[in-house]
Protein backbone atom coordinates (compact mmCIF):
# COMPACT_ATOMS: atom_id res chain seq x y z
CA MET A 1 114.53 108.72 105.95
CA SER A 2 114.28 104.91 105.44
CA SER A 3 114.51 103.26 101.65
CA VAL A 4 112.27 100.45 100.40
CA THR A 5 114.36 97.21 101.19
CA THR A 6 115.72 94.85 98.73
CA GLU A 7 113.03 92.27 100.08
CA ASN A 8 110.15 94.69 98.65
CA THR A 9 112.20 95.57 95.67
CA ARG A 10 113.70 94.18 92.63
CA LYS A 11 114.67 95.70 89.23
CA ALA A 12 111.90 95.30 86.44
CA GLY A 13 113.32 93.65 83.71
CA GLY A 14 116.43 92.65 85.33
CA SER A 15 118.66 95.74 84.62
CA ASN A 16 117.02 99.21 84.33
CA GLU A 17 118.26 101.38 86.92
CA SER A 18 115.22 103.63 86.47
CA SER A 19 112.47 101.07 87.32
CA ALA A 20 111.59 98.55 89.88
CA LEU A 21 108.91 96.02 91.10
CA ILE A 22 107.84 96.64 94.34
CA HIS A 23 105.96 94.51 96.84
CA ALA A 24 103.41 97.09 97.14
CA THR A 25 99.55 98.29 96.03
CA THR A 26 98.62 101.51 94.64
CA VAL A 27 95.75 103.63 94.52
CA LEU A 28 95.06 107.03 93.44
CA VAL A 29 93.42 109.25 96.17
CA LYS A 30 92.19 112.84 94.94
CA ASN A 31 94.40 112.47 91.93
CA GLN A 32 97.40 111.48 93.85
CA GLY A 33 99.22 108.58 93.63
CA VAL A 34 99.46 106.54 97.37
CA LEU A 35 101.70 103.38 97.55
CA LEU A 36 100.73 101.11 100.31
CA ILE A 37 103.80 99.07 101.24
CA GLY A 38 103.95 96.02 103.62
CA PRO A 39 104.38 92.27 103.76
CA SER A 40 101.84 89.57 103.25
CA GLY A 41 98.81 90.06 105.46
CA SER A 42 99.63 93.58 106.50
CA GLY A 43 96.56 94.87 105.04
CA LYS A 44 97.68 96.38 101.61
CA SER A 45 94.58 94.95 99.70
CA ASP A 46 92.20 95.50 102.51
CA LEU A 47 93.30 99.49 102.73
CA ALA A 48 92.95 99.58 99.18
CA LEU A 49 89.48 98.27 99.07
CA ARG A 50 88.45 100.84 101.71
CA LEU A 51 90.09 103.65 100.25
CA ILE A 52 88.08 102.68 96.63
CA ASP A 53 84.95 102.28 98.48
CA ARG A 54 85.29 105.99 99.54
CA GLY A 55 86.19 107.18 95.96
CA ALA A 56 89.79 106.15 95.17
CA LYS A 57 91.00 104.25 91.93
CA LEU A 58 92.87 101.13 91.73
CA VAL A 59 96.24 101.53 89.89
CA SER A 60 97.80 98.19 91.24
CA ASP A 61 97.37 95.18 93.75
CA ASP A 62 100.13 93.62 95.53
CA TYR A 63 102.72 94.53 93.05
CA SER A 64 103.47 97.88 91.69
CA LEU A 65 106.01 98.87 88.87
CA ILE A 66 107.73 102.03 89.56
CA ASP A 67 109.54 104.21 87.25
CA ILE A 68 111.44 107.53 87.56
CA LYS A 69 111.62 110.06 84.87
CA PRO A 70 115.12 111.41 85.69
CA LYS A 71 115.00 114.74 83.88
CA GLU A 72 111.62 115.43 85.88
CA ASN A 73 112.44 113.61 89.01
CA ILE A 74 108.90 112.01 89.32
CA LEU A 75 108.11 108.43 90.31
CA THR A 76 105.16 106.86 88.58
CA ALA A 77 103.60 103.68 89.68
CA THR A 78 101.91 100.95 87.26
CA ALA A 79 100.73 97.68 87.17
CA PRO A 80 102.39 94.46 85.96
CA LYS A 81 100.21 93.48 82.81
CA ASN A 82 99.20 90.11 84.33
CA ILE A 83 97.58 91.96 87.39
CA ALA A 84 96.15 94.87 85.96
CA GLY A 85 92.91 95.75 87.11
CA LEU A 86 93.01 92.87 89.56
CA LEU A 87 91.95 93.08 93.42
CA GLU A 88 92.23 90.29 96.12
CA ILE A 89 89.59 90.59 98.52
CA ARG A 90 90.46 87.96 101.22
CA GLY A 91 87.73 85.69 101.82
CA LEU A 92 85.92 86.39 98.57
CA GLY A 93 88.80 86.02 95.89
CA VAL A 94 90.15 88.03 92.85
CA VAL A 95 87.94 90.42 91.67
CA THR A 96 88.34 92.76 88.33
CA LEU A 97 87.90 96.35 88.99
CA PRO A 98 88.00 99.56 86.97
CA PHE A 99 91.59 100.72 87.08
CA CYS A 100 93.71 103.67 86.33
CA PRO A 101 96.96 102.81 84.34
CA LYS A 102 99.56 104.82 85.71
CA ALA A 103 99.74 107.32 89.09
CA LYS A 104 102.48 110.09 90.15
CA LEU A 105 103.36 108.85 93.32
CA ALA A 106 103.00 111.59 96.06
CA LEU A 107 103.03 109.45 99.35
CA ALA A 108 103.87 106.09 100.55
CA ILE A 109 102.10 104.33 103.56
CA ILE A 110 104.18 101.98 105.40
CA LEU A 111 101.74 99.35 106.98
CA GLU A 112 102.78 98.54 110.75
CA GLY A 113 101.20 97.09 113.73
CA ASP A 114 102.66 99.72 116.07
CA VAL A 115 102.20 103.49 115.22
CA GLU A 116 104.03 106.12 116.97
CA ARG A 117 101.62 108.68 118.32
CA MET A 118 103.66 111.84 117.22
CA PRO A 119 105.73 110.78 114.10
CA GLU A 120 108.39 113.12 112.73
CA LYS A 121 106.61 115.56 110.66
CA ASP A 122 108.47 115.11 107.27
CA SER A 123 109.32 111.53 107.22
CA SER A 124 110.02 110.14 103.85
CA ILE A 125 111.37 106.85 102.05
CA LYS A 126 114.08 106.41 99.14
CA ILE A 127 112.80 104.86 96.18
CA LEU A 128 115.17 104.60 93.04
CA GLY A 129 117.22 107.39 94.79
CA ARG A 130 114.16 109.56 95.05
CA ALA A 131 112.73 110.83 98.30
CA LEU A 132 108.74 110.01 98.74
CA PRO A 133 106.86 111.38 101.96
CA ALA A 134 105.63 108.54 103.95
CA ILE A 135 103.91 107.91 107.02
CA THR A 136 103.35 104.71 108.79
CA ILE A 137 99.77 103.58 109.90
CA ASN A 138 98.07 100.36 110.82
CA ALA A 139 95.76 99.48 107.78
CA PHE A 140 93.22 97.36 110.09
CA GLU A 141 92.32 100.46 112.04
CA ALA A 142 89.02 101.81 111.14
CA SER A 143 90.26 105.40 110.72
CA ALA A 144 93.19 103.95 108.14
CA PRO A 145 91.47 105.28 105.15
CA ILE A 146 90.64 108.58 106.80
CA LYS A 147 94.51 108.99 107.75
CA VAL A 148 95.38 108.49 104.23
CA GLU A 149 93.46 111.15 103.06
CA MET A 150 93.93 113.69 105.70
CA LYS A 151 97.91 113.01 104.63
CA ILE A 152 97.03 113.73 101.02
CA ALA A 153 95.05 116.97 102.01
CA CYS A 154 98.03 117.82 103.99
CA LEU A 155 100.48 117.46 100.87
CA VAL A 156 98.40 119.58 98.64
CA GLY A 157 97.80 122.31 100.95
CA ASP A 158 94.09 121.68 101.72
CA ILE A 159 94.76 121.32 105.54
CA LEU A 160 97.55 122.60 107.69
CA LEU A 161 99.30 119.68 109.66
CA LYS A 162 100.40 121.32 113.07
CA ASN A 163 103.46 119.55 115.01
């Protein structure tokens, strides 16, 4: 299990231990919050745009405010107010889109160029001390949005992942 690093995270508002501002885009896929994590240029907004084209809803682009409800142990994501409803599309600019104000996180997508062919079945990352299921994909592969949807389907029990 890996943790979201300090390069990607900072405490929101400076001191709240139950929230963090993460360099990540969040979308709602089949009513499940998906956090797209990667450095600038890794394809966060591009993958979000393709998922939105397939029916997902924007929560936040580029930065996501993550909160945890300690009693429920649930991570939620919202957009910082200054970027709510905005999505950067390279080559076009920043556009305004309908957005979902909050999402319960179900999955983290780590965006990297090199991806293991057969990764660990139950990998996760830690955010604010809570494990969140995670997979690593290349955002620029044509199949990337389908891989996200397939992993969500596995998590909610619609399909079985064998490995």
